[in-house]
């Protein structure tokens, strides 16, 4: 399956309380990241669904440090995608947006 679709599925499992399934997807995404087939941004989505905001922010920071070609193009939706709403008020999330040069 597609890594982005897997991340959304993992997010949904986490939100539904099926943490075991969400963590299984997170482990698979971690393997893909090590192999260069996925981005930490996708993993952040799963942790966000699990309610693990700190881990989600750490993964976003890691994704920002990835080479530009490795970043998922959905990263460009960080400022507007409602999936990121739980992090919107966090100053670290706002700082990350600023460092990505999103317009104010």
PDB file of N, CA and C in Angstrom:
ATOM      1  N   UNK A   1       0.837  -1.179   0.000  1.00  0.00           N
ATOM      2  CA  UNK A   1       0.000   0.000   0.000  1.00  0.00           C
ATOM      3  C   UNK A   1       0.887   1.249   0.000  1.00  0.00           C
ATOM      4  N   UNK A   2       0.312   2.348  -0.345  1.00  0.00           N
ATOM      5  CA  UNK A   2       0.974   3.643  -0.380  1.00  0.00           C
ATOM      6  C   UNK A   2       1.248   4.129   1.049  1.00  0.00           C
ATOM      7  N   UNK A   3       2.439   4.679   1.261  1.00  0.00           N
ATOM      8  CA  UNK A   3       2.819   5.119   2.611  1.00  0.00           C
ATOM      9  C   UNK A   3       1.886   6.198   3.142  1.00  0.00           C
ATOM     10  N   UNK A   4       1.463   7.114   2.267  1.00  0.00           N
ATOM     11  CA  UNK A   4       0.557   8.175   2.728  1.00  0.00           C
ATOM     12  C   UNK A   4      -0.785   7.574   3.139  1.00  0.00           C
ATOM     13  N   UNK A   5      -1.301   6.646   2.348  1.00  0.00           N
ATOM     14  CA  UNK A   5      -2.559   5.982   2.695  1.00  0.00           C
ATOM     15  C   UNK A   5      -2.401   5.198   3.996  1.00  0.00           C
ATOM     16  N   UNK A   6      -1.260   4.541   4.159  1.00  0.00           N
ATOM     17  CA  UNK A   6      -1.005   3.808   5.404  1.00  0.00           C
ATOM     18  C   UNK A   6      -0.999   4.748   6.599  1.00  0.00           C
ATOM     19  N   UNK A   7      -0.403   5.934   6.426  1.00  0.00           N
ATOM     20  CA  UNK A   7      -0.350   6.872   7.550  1.00  0.00           C
ATOM     21  C   UNK A   7      -1.753   7.329   7.936  1.00  0.00           C
ATOM     22  N   UNK A   8      -2.600   7.555   6.950  1.00  0.00           N
ATOM     23  CA  UNK A   8      -3.978   7.958   7.242  1.00  0.00           C
ATOM     24  C   UNK A   8      -4.758   6.821   7.895  1.00  0.00           C
ATOM     25  N   UNK A   9      -4.509   5.594   7.459  1.00  0.00           N
ATOM     26  CA  UNK A   9      -5.145   4.436   8.083  1.00  0.00           C
ATOM     27  C   UNK A   9      -4.684   4.299   9.533  1.00  0.00           C
ATOM     28  N   UNK A  10      -3.377   4.465   9.758  1.00  0.00           N
ATOM     29  CA  UNK A  10      -2.844   4.412  11.121  1.00  0.00           C
ATOM     30  C   UNK A  10      -3.435   5.502  11.991  1.00  0.00           C
ATOM     31  N   UNK A  11      -3.617   6.682  11.430  1.00  0.00           N
ATOM     32  CA  UNK A  11      -4.237   7.791  12.144  1.00  0.00           C
ATOM     33  C   UNK A  11      -5.658   7.417  12.540  1.00  0.00           C
ATOM     34  N   UNK A  12      -6.409   6.860  11.594  1.00  0.00           N
ATOM     35  CA  UNK A  12      -7.795   6.464  11.864  1.00  0.00           C
ATOM     36  C   UNK A  12      -7.863   5.374  12.940  1.00  0.00           C
ATOM     37  N   UNK A  13      -6.961   4.395  12.854  1.00  0.00           N
ATOM     38  CA  UNK A  13      -6.928   3.356  13.889  1.00  0.00           C
ATOM     39  C   UNK A  13      -6.669   3.978  15.260  1.00  0.00           C
ATOM     40  N   UNK A  14      -5.724   4.894  15.322  1.00  0.00           N
ATOM     41  CA  UNK A  14      -5.414   5.546  16.592  1.00  0.00           C
ATOM     42  C   UNK A  14      -6.595   6.310  17.143  1.00  0.00           C
ATOM     43  N   UNK A  15      -7.249   7.075  16.291  1.00  0.00           N
ATOM     44  CA  UNK A  15      -8.415   7.854  16.729  1.00  0.00           C
ATOM     45  C   UNK A  15      -9.550   6.949  17.191  1.00  0.00           C
ATOM     46  N   UNK A  16      -9.657   5.765  16.577  1.00  0.00           N
ATOM     47  CA  UNK A  16     -10.719   4.821  16.931  1.00  0.00           C
ATOM     48  C   UNK A  16     -10.376   4.001  18.170  1.00  0.00           C
ATOM     49  N   UNK A  17      -9.172   4.194  18.709  1.00  0.00           N
ATOM     50  CA  UNK A  17      -8.774   3.461  19.906  1.00  0.00           C
ATOM     51  C   UNK A  17      -8.116   2.125  19.628  1.00  0.00           C
ATOM     52  N   UNK A  18      -7.862   1.818  18.372  1.00  0.00           N
ATOM     53  CA  UNK A  18      -7.196   0.573  18.019  1.00  0.00           C
ATOM     54  C   UNK A  18      -5.687   0.829  17.948  1.00  0.00           C
ATOM     55  N   UNK A  19      -5.105   0.978  19.121  1.00  0.00           N
ATOM     56  CA  UNK A  19      -3.689   1.361  19.208  1.00  0.00           C
ATOM     57  C   UNK A  19      -2.756   0.289  18.665  1.00  0.00           C
ATOM     58  N   UNK A  20      -3.102  -0.964  18.819  1.00  0.00           N
ATOM     59  CA  UNK A  20      -2.232  -2.040  18.322  1.00  0.00           C
ATOM     60  C   UNK A  20      -2.095  -1.964  16.806  1.00  0.00           C
ATOM     61  N   UNK A  21      -3.202  -1.759  16.114  1.00  0.00           N
ATOM     62  CA  UNK A  21      -3.147  -1.653  14.651  1.00  0.00           C
ATOM     63  C   UNK A  21      -2.383  -0.398  14.228  1.00  0.00           C
ATOM     64  N   UNK A  22      -2.620   0.707  14.933  1.00  0.00           N
ATOM     65  CA  UNK A  22      -1.918   1.950  14.613  1.00  0.00           C
ATOM     66  C   UNK A  22      -0.410   1.781  14.801  1.00  0.00           C
ATOM     67  N   UNK A  23      -0.013   1.134  15.887  1.00  0.00           N
ATOM     68  CA  UNK A  23       1.417   0.937  16.139  1.00  0.00           C
ATOM     69  C   UNK A  23       2.041  -0.027  15.138  1.00  0.00           C
ATOM     70  N   UNK A  24       1.271  -0.993  14.666  1.00  0.00           N
ATOM     71  CA  UNK A  24       1.789  -1.904  13.631  1.00  0.00           C
ATOM     72  C   UNK A  24       2.091  -1.113  12.368  1.00  0.00           C
ATOM     73  N   UNK A  25       1.229  -0.192  12.018  1.00  0.00           N
ATOM     74  CA  UNK A  25       1.475   0.655  10.845  1.00  0.00           C
ATOM     75  C   UNK A  25       2.658   1.574  11.100  1.00  0.00           C
ATOM     76  N   UNK A  26       2.761   2.123  12.310  1.00  0.00           N
ATOM     77  CA  UNK A  26       3.898   2.983  12.646  1.00  0.00           C
ATOM     78  C   UNK A  26       5.214   2.225  12.487  1.00  0.00           C
ATOM     79  N   UNK A  27       5.267   0.983  12.946  1.00  0.00           N
ATOM     80  CA  UNK A  27       6.495   0.182  12.802  1.00  0.00           C
ATOM     81  C   UNK A  27       6.832  -0.058  11.333  1.00  0.00           C
ATOM     82  N   UNK A  28       5.808  -0.322  10.527  1.00  0.00           N
ATOM     83  CA  UNK A  28       6.039  -0.524   9.092  1.00  0.00           C
ATOM     84  C   UNK A  28       6.562   0.757   8.442  1.00  0.00           C
ATOM     85  N   UNK A  29       5.993   1.886   8.811  1.00  0.00           N
ATOM     86  CA  UNK A  29       6.475   3.164   8.268  1.00  0.00           C
ATOM     87  C   UNK A  29       7.900   3.441   8.717  1.00  0.00           C
ATOM     88  N   UNK A  30       8.235   3.109   9.962  1.00  0.00           N
ATOM     89  CA  UNK A  30       9.611   3.289  10.437  1.00  0.00           C
ATOM     90  C   UNK A  30      10.577   2.460   9.599  1.00  0.00           C
ATOM     91  N   UNK A  31      10.185   1.244   9.249  1.00  0.00           N
ATOM     92  CA  UNK A  31      11.021   0.414   8.369  1.00  0.00           C
ATOM     93  C   UNK A  31      11.180   1.071   7.002  1.00  0.00           C
ATOM     94  N   UNK A  32      10.106   1.596   6.466  1.00  0.00           N
ATOM     95  CA  UNK A  32      10.169   2.259   5.159  1.00  0.00           C
ATOM     96  C   UNK A  32      11.052   3.499   5.208  1.00  0.00           C
ATOM     97  N   UNK A  33      11.004   4.218   6.328  1.00  0.00           N
ATOM     98  CA  UNK A  33      11.851   5.414   6.466  1.00  0.00           C
ATOM     99  C   UNK A  33      13.321   5.000   6.440  1.00  0.00           C
ATOM    100  N   UNK A  34      13.662   3.943   7.194  1.00  0.00           N
ATOM    101  CA  UNK A  34      15.055   3.465   7.208  1.00  0.00           C
ATOM    102  C   UNK A  34      15.517   3.037   5.814  1.00  0.00           C
ATOM    103  N   UNK A  35      14.598   2.511   5.027  1.00  0.00           N
ATOM    104  CA  UNK A  35      14.926   2.062   3.676  1.00  0.00           C
ATOM    105  C   UNK A  35      14.834   3.186   2.644  1.00  0.00           C
ATOM    106  N   UNK A  36      14.397   4.379   3.081  1.00  0.00           N
ATOM    107  CA  UNK A  36      14.311   5.511   2.179  1.00  0.00           C
ATOM    108  C   UNK A  36      13.047   5.562   1.336  1.00  0.00           C
ATOM    109  N   UNK A  37      12.017   4.814   1.760  1.00  0.00           N
ATOM    110  CA  UNK A  37      10.778   4.750   0.976  1.00  0.00           C
ATOM    111  C   UNK A  37       9.645   5.557   1.576  1.00  0.00           C
ATOM    112  N   UNK A  38       9.900   6.244   2.644  1.00  0.00           N
ATOM    113  CA  UNK A  38       8.834   6.980   3.315  1.00  0.00           C
ATOM    114  C   UNK A  38       9.436   8.197   4.000  1.00  0.00           C
ATOM    115  N   UNK A  39       8.558   9.051   4.502  1.00  0.00           N
ATOM    116  CA  UNK A  39       8.974  10.266   5.189  1.00  0.00           C
ATOM    117  C   UNK A  39       8.498  10.229   6.638  1.00  0.00           C
ATOM    118  N   UNK A  40       9.254  10.884   7.495  1.00  0.00           N
ATOM    119  CA  UNK A  40       8.848  10.985   8.899  1.00  0.00           C
ATOM    120  C   UNK A  40       7.548  11.770   9.038  1.00  0.00           C
ATOM    121  N   UNK A  41       7.198  12.577   8.040  1.00  0.00           N
ATOM    122  CA  UNK A  41       5.928  13.314   8.081  1.00  0.00           C
ATOM    123  C   UNK A  41       4.752  12.343   8.090  1.00  0.00           C
ATOM    124  N   UNK A  42       4.877  11.257   7.362  1.00  0.00           N
ATOM    125  CA  UNK A  42       3.814  10.253   7.338  1.00  0.00           C
ATOM    126  C   UNK A  42       3.689   9.562   8.692  1.00  0.00           C
ATOM    127  N   UNK A  43       4.805   9.311   9.317  1.00  0.00           N
ATOM    128  CA  UNK A  43       4.794   8.703  10.641  1.00  0.00           C
ATOM    129  C   UNK A  43       4.172   9.653  11.666  1.00  0.00           C
ATOM    130  N   UNK A  44       4.403  10.947  11.498  1.00  0.00           N
ATOM    131  CA  UNK A  44       3.819  11.941  12.405  1.00  0.00           C
ATOM    132  C   UNK A  44       2.301  11.868  12.397  1.00  0.00           C
ATOM    133  N   UNK A  45       1.719  11.574  11.249  1.00  0.00           N
ATOM    134  CA  UNK A  45       0.259  11.467  11.133  1.00  0.00           C
ATOM    135  C   UNK A  45      -0.276  10.354  12.043  1.00  0.00           C
ATOM    136  N   UNK A  46       0.426   9.226  12.060  1.00  0.00           N
ATOM    137  CA  UNK A  46      -0.008   8.101  12.891  1.00  0.00           C
ATOM    138  C   UNK A  46       0.058   8.490  14.366  1.00  0.00           C
ATOM    139  N   UNK A  47       1.177   9.087  14.781  1.00  0.00           N
ATOM    140  CA  UNK A  47       1.312   9.477  16.186  1.00  0.00           C
ATOM    141  C   UNK A  47       0.280  10.534  16.581  1.00  0.00           C
ATOM    142  N   UNK A  48      -0.057  11.388  15.655  1.00  0.00           N
ATOM    143  CA  UNK A  48      -1.091  12.377  15.930  1.00  0.00           C
ATOM    144  C   UNK A  48      -2.430  11.692  16.188  1.00  0.00           C
ATOM    145  N   UNK A  49      -2.742  10.661  15.404  1.00  0.00           N
ATOM    146  CA  UNK A  49      -3.971   9.893  15.612  1.00  0.00           C
ATOM    147  C   UNK A  49      -3.991   9.167  16.939  1.00  0.00           C
ATOM    148  N   UNK A  50      -2.817   8.796  17.412  1.00  0.00           N
ATOM    149  CA  UNK A  50      -2.710   8.122  18.707  1.00  0.00           C
ATOM    150  C   UNK A  50      -2.771   9.107  19.878  1.00  0.00           C
ATOM    151  N   UNK A  51      -2.817  10.404  19.559  1.00  0.00           N
ATOM    152  CA  UNK A  51      -2.836  11.418  20.608  1.00  0.00           C
ATOM    153  C   UNK A  51      -1.472  11.697  21.187  1.00  0.00           C
ATOM    154  N   UNK A  52      -0.432  11.230  20.524  1.00  0.00           N
ATOM    155  CA  UNK A  52       0.943  11.428  20.989  1.00  0.00           C
ATOM    156  C   UNK A  52       1.540  12.649  20.273  1.00  0.00           C
ATOM    157  N   UNK A  53       1.078  13.826  20.711  1.00  0.00           N
ATOM    158  CA  UNK A  53       1.472  15.076  20.057  1.00  0.00           C
ATOM    159  C   UNK A  53       2.968  15.322  20.101  1.00  0.00           C
ATOM    160  N   UNK A  54       3.607  14.987  21.228  1.00  0.00           N
ATOM    161  CA  UNK A  54       5.064  15.201  21.345  1.00  0.00           C
ATOM    162  C   UNK A  54       5.809  14.395  20.280  1.00  0.00           C
ATOM    163  N   UNK A  55       5.420  13.127  20.136  1.00  0.00           N
ATOM    164  CA  UNK A  55       6.058  12.256  19.149  1.00  0.00           C
ATOM    165  C   UNK A  55       5.772  12.763  17.737  1.00  0.00           C
ATOM    166  N   UNK A  56       4.549  13.235  17.502  1.00  0.00           N
ATOM    167  CA  UNK A  56       4.191  13.773  16.187  1.00  0.00           C
ATOM    168  C   UNK A  56       5.067  14.983  15.856  1.00  0.00           C
ATOM    169  N   UNK A  57       5.264  15.861  16.824  1.00  0.00           N
ATOM    170  CA  UNK A  57       6.120  17.036  16.595  1.00  0.00           C
ATOM    171  C   UNK A  57       7.566  16.632  16.324  1.00  0.00           C
ATOM    172  N   UNK A  58       8.052  15.640  17.065  1.00  0.00           N
ATOM    173  CA  UNK A  58       9.425  15.156  16.826  1.00  0.00           C
ATOM    174  C   UNK A  58       9.568  14.621  15.405  1.00  0.00           C
ATOM    175  N   UNK A  59       8.559  13.878  14.941  1.00  0.00           N
ATOM    176  CA  UNK A  59       8.621  13.319  13.590  1.00  0.00           C
ATOM    177  C   UNK A  59       8.536  14.423  12.536  1.00  0.00           C
ATOM    178  N   UNK A  60       7.749  15.460  12.800  1.00  0.00           N
ATOM    179  CA  UNK A  60       7.703  16.589  11.865  1.00  0.00           C
ATOM    180  C   UNK A  60       9.053  17.285  11.779  1.00  0.00           C
ATOM    181  N   UNK A  61       9.707  17.447  12.922  1.00  0.00           N
ATOM    182  CA  UNK A  61      11.048  18.043  12.933  1.00  0.00           C
ATOM    183  C   UNK A  61      12.012  17.182  12.111  1.00  0.00           C
ATOM    184  N   UNK A  62      11.915  15.874  12.292  1.00  0.00           N
ATOM    185  CA  UNK A  62      12.778  14.966  11.530  1.00  0.00           C
ATOM    186  C   UNK A  62      12.480  15.071  10.042  1.00  0.00           C
ATOM    187  N   UNK A  63      11.215  15.198   9.688  1.00  0.00           N
ATOM    188  CA  UNK A  63      10.838  15.308   8.278  1.00  0.00           C
ATOM    189  C   UNK A  63      11.384  16.597   7.668  1.00  0.00           C
ATOM    190  N   UNK A  64      11.393  17.659   8.449  1.00  0.00           N
ATOM    191  CA  UNK A  64      11.915  18.927   7.949  1.00  0.00           C
ATOM    192  C   UNK A  64      13.403  18.822   7.630  1.00  0.00           C
ATOM    193  N   UNK A  65      14.093  17.946   8.345  1.00  0.00           N
ATOM    194  CA  UNK A  65      15.535  17.764   8.127  1.00  0.00           C
ATOM    195  C   UNK A  65      15.835  16.804   6.967  1.00  0.00           C
ATOM    196  N   UNK A  66      14.807  16.129   6.444  1.00  0.00           N
ATOM    197  CA  UNK A  66      15.023  15.205   5.330  1.00  0.00           C
ATOM    198  C   UNK A  66      15.377  15.980   4.071  1.00  0.00           C
ATOM    199  N   UNK A  67      16.082  15.325   3.145  1.00  0.00           N
ATOM    200  CA  UNK A  67      16.361  15.997   1.864  1.00  0.00           C
ATOM    201  C   UNK A  67      15.050  16.388   1.186  1.00  0.00           C
ATOM    202  N   UNK A  68      15.025  17.511   0.487  1.00  0.00           N
ATOM    203  CA  UNK A  68      13.771  17.986  -0.131  1.00  0.00           C
ATOM    204  C   UNK A  68      13.080  16.929  -0.999  1.00  0.00           C
ATOM    205  N   UNK A  69      13.815  16.132  -1.724  1.00  0.00           N
ATOM    206  CA  UNK A  69      13.186  15.134  -2.593  1.00  0.00           C
ATOM    207  C   UNK A  69      12.510  14.025  -1.795  1.00  0.00           C
ATOM    208  N   UNK A  70      12.880  13.860  -0.529  1.00  0.00           N
ATOM    209  CA  UNK A  70      12.324  12.785   0.291  1.00  0.00           C
ATOM    210  C   UNK A  70      11.033  13.203   0.978  1.00  0.00           C
ATOM    211  N   UNK A  71      10.809  14.496   1.086  1.00  0.00           N
ATOM    212  CA  UNK A  71       9.628  14.973   1.799  1.00  0.00           C
ATOM    213  C   UNK A  71       8.371  14.690   0.994  1.00  0.00           C
ATOM    214  N   UNK A  72       7.341  14.329   1.705  1.00  0.00           N
ATOM    215  CA  UNK A  72       6.066  14.079   1.075  1.00  0.00           C
ATOM    216  C   UNK A  72       5.469  15.400   0.628  1.00  0.00           C
ATOM    217  N   UNK A  73       4.893  15.432  -0.559  1.00  0.00           N
ATOM    218  CA  UNK A  73       4.334  16.687  -1.053  1.00  0.00           C
ATOM    219  C   UNK A  73       3.165  17.169  -0.200  1.00  0.00           C
ATOM    220  N   UNK A  74       2.554  16.291   0.569  1.00  0.00           N
ATOM    221  CA  UNK A  74       1.482  16.720   1.452  1.00  0.00           C
ATOM    222  C   UNK A  74       1.997  17.622   2.569  1.00  0.00           C
ATOM    223  N   UNK A  75       3.300  17.648   2.753  1.00  0.00           N
ATOM    224  CA  UNK A  75       3.901  18.539   3.742  1.00  0.00           C
ATOM    225  C   UNK A  75       3.487  19.979   3.464  1.00  0.00           C
ATOM    226  N   UNK A  76       3.232  20.281   2.196  1.00  0.00           N
ATOM    227  CA  UNK A  76       2.842  21.641   1.840  1.00  0.00           C
ATOM    228  C   UNK A  76       1.453  22.009   2.374  1.00  0.00           C
ATOM    229  N   UNK A  77       0.703  21.017   2.856  1.00  0.00           N
ATOM    230  CA  UNK A  77      -0.627  21.260   3.391  1.00  0.00           C
ATOM    231  C   UNK A  77      -0.644  21.433   4.912  1.00  0.00           C
ATOM    232  N   UNK A  78       0.515  21.459   5.531  1.00  0.00           N
ATOM    233  CA  UNK A  78       0.566  21.546   6.996  1.00  0.00           C
ATOM    234  C   UNK A  78      -0.240  22.716   7.553  1.00  0.00           C
ATOM    235  N   UNK A  79      -0.197  23.820   6.871  1.00  0.00           N
ATOM    236  CA  UNK A  79      -0.839  25.016   7.408  1.00  0.00           C
ATOM    237  C   UNK A  79      -2.363  24.961   7.310  1.00  0.00           C
ATOM    238  N   UNK A  80      -2.899  24.157   6.391  1.00  0.00           N
ATOM    239  CA  UNK A  80      -4.338  24.190   6.164  1.00  0.00           C
ATOM    240  C   UNK A  80      -5.058  22.871   6.402  1.00  0.00           C
ATOM    241  N   UNK A  81      -4.372  21.749   6.414  1.00  0.00           N
ATOM    242  CA  UNK A  81      -5.029  20.452   6.573  1.00  0.00           C
ATOM    243  C   UNK A  81      -5.542  20.307   8.003  1.00  0.00           C
ATOM    244  N   UNK A  82      -6.839  20.040   8.182  1.00  0.00           N
ATOM    245  CA  UNK A  82      -7.394  19.949   9.541  1.00  0.00           C
ATOM    246  C   UNK A  82      -6.841  18.790  10.369  1.00  0.00           C
ATOM    247  N   UNK A  83      -6.175  17.848   9.737  1.00  0.00           N
ATOM    248  CA  UNK A  83      -5.612  16.739  10.509  1.00  0.00           C
ATOM    249  C   UNK A  83      -4.584  17.245  11.524  1.00  0.00           C
ATOM    250  N   UNK A  84      -3.958  18.393  11.219  1.00  0.00           N
ATOM    251  CA  UNK A  84      -2.929  18.967  12.093  1.00  0.00           C
ATOM    252  C   UNK A  84      -3.509  19.901  13.152  1.00  0.00           C
ATOM    253  N   UNK A  85      -4.826  20.065  13.189  1.00  0.00           N
ATOM    254  CA  UNK A  85      -5.452  20.992  14.144  1.00  0.00           C
ATOM    255  C   UNK A  85      -5.039  20.775  15.594  1.00  0.00           C
ATOM    256  N   UNK A  86      -4.845  19.533  16.060  1.00  0.00           N
ATOM    257  CA  UNK A  86      -4.431  19.369  17.461  1.00  0.00           C
ATOM    258  C   UNK A  86      -3.094  20.052  17.797  1.00  0.00           C
ATOM    259  N   UNK A  87      -2.296  20.345  16.793  1.00  0.00           N
ATOM    260  CA  UNK A  87      -0.985  20.963  17.038  1.00  0.00           C
ATOM    261  C   UNK A  87      -0.970  22.464  16.756  1.00  0.00           C
ATOM    262  N   UNK A  88      -2.019  22.996  16.209  1.00  0.00           N
ATOM    263  CA  UNK A  88      -2.032  24.386  15.738  1.00  0.00           C
ATOM    264  C   UNK A  88      -1.592  25.402  16.780  1.00  0.00           C
ATOM    265  N   UNK A  89      -2.028  25.241  18.011  1.00  0.00           N
ATOM    266  CA  UNK A  89      -1.715  26.226  19.046  1.00  0.00           C
ATOM    267  C   UNK A  89      -0.362  26.009  19.708  1.00  0.00           C
ATOM    268  N   UNK A  90       0.305  24.931  19.353  1.00  0.00           N
ATOM    269  CA  UNK A  90       1.613  24.642  19.948  1.00  0.00           C
ATOM    270  C   UNK A  90       2.657  25.566  19.314  1.00  0.00           C
ATOM    271  N   UNK A  91       3.387  26.325  20.128  1.00  0.00           N
ATOM    272  CA  UNK A  91       4.391  27.240  19.584  1.00  0.00           C
ATOM    273  C   UNK A  91       5.448  26.535  18.727  1.00  0.00           C
ATOM    274  N   UNK A  92       5.744  25.269  19.041  1.00  0.00           N
ATOM    275  CA  UNK A  92       6.736  24.537  18.236  1.00  0.00           C
ATOM    276  C   UNK A  92       6.206  24.255  16.841  1.00  0.00           C
ATOM    277  N   UNK A  93       4.912  23.989  16.720  1.00  0.00           N
ATOM    278  CA  UNK A  93       4.300  23.782  15.413  1.00  0.00           C
ATOM    279  C   UNK A  93       4.321  25.097  14.626  1.00  0.00           C
ATOM    280  N   UNK A  94       3.979  26.187  15.288  1.00  0.00           N
ATOM    281  CA  UNK A  94       4.008  27.495  14.633  1.00  0.00           C
ATOM    282  C   UNK A  94       5.422  27.851  14.188  1.00  0.00           C
ATOM    283  N   UNK A  95       6.411  27.520  15.008  1.00  0.00           N
ATOM    284  CA  UNK A  95       7.804  27.763  14.640  1.00  0.00           C
ATOM    285  C   UNK A  95       8.202  26.931  13.425  1.00  0.00           C
ATOM    286  N   UNK A  96       7.750  25.695  13.390  1.00  0.00           N
ATOM    287  CA  UNK A  96       8.042  24.829  12.252  1.00  0.00           C
ATOM    288  C   UNK A  96       7.455  25.427  10.974  1.00  0.00           C
ATOM    289  N   UNK A  97       6.232  25.928  11.038  1.00  0.00           N
ATOM    290  CA  UNK A  97       5.617  26.566   9.868  1.00  0.00           C
ATOM    291  C   UNK A  97       6.428  27.769   9.421  1.00  0.00           C
ATOM    292  N   UNK A  98       6.889  28.568  10.386  1.00  0.00           N
ATOM    293  CA  UNK A  98       7.700  29.745  10.043  1.00  0.00           C
ATOM    294  C   UNK A  98       8.989  29.337   9.341  1.00  0.00           C
ATOM    295  N   UNK A  99       9.627  28.290   9.868  1.00  0.00           N
ATOM    296  CA  UNK A  99      10.879  27.835   9.263  1.00  0.00           C
ATOM    297  C   UNK A  99      10.670  27.246   7.873  1.00  0.00           C
ATOM    298  N   UNK A 100       9.446  26.832   7.583  1.00  0.00           N
ATOM    299  CA  UNK A 100       9.138  26.312   6.259  1.00  0.00           C
ATOM    300  C   UNK A 100       8.774  27.439   5.301  1.00  0.00           C
ATOM    301  N   UNK A 101       8.820  28.663   5.814  1.00  0.00           N
ATOM    302  CA  UNK A 101       8.551  29.865   5.020  1.00  0.00           C
ATOM    303  C   UNK A 101       7.134  29.934   4.487  1.00  0.00           C
ATOM    304  N   UNK A 102       6.179  29.440   5.271  1.00  0.00           N
ATOM    305  CA  UNK A 102       4.784  29.626   4.890  1.00  0.00           C
ATOM    306  C   UNK A 102       4.423  31.083   5.089  1.00  0.00           C
ATOM    307  N   UNK A 103       3.602  31.631   4.208  1.00  0.00           N
ATOM    308  CA  UNK A 103       3.175  33.031   4.414  1.00  0.00           C
ATOM    309  C   UNK A 103       2.345  33.151   5.681  1.00  0.00           C
ATOM    310  N   UNK A 104       2.434  34.288   6.313  1.00  0.00           N
ATOM    311  CA  UNK A 104       1.682  34.553   7.549  1.00  0.00           C
ATOM    312  C   UNK A 104       0.210  34.594   7.292  1.00  0.00           C
TER     313      UNK A 104
END
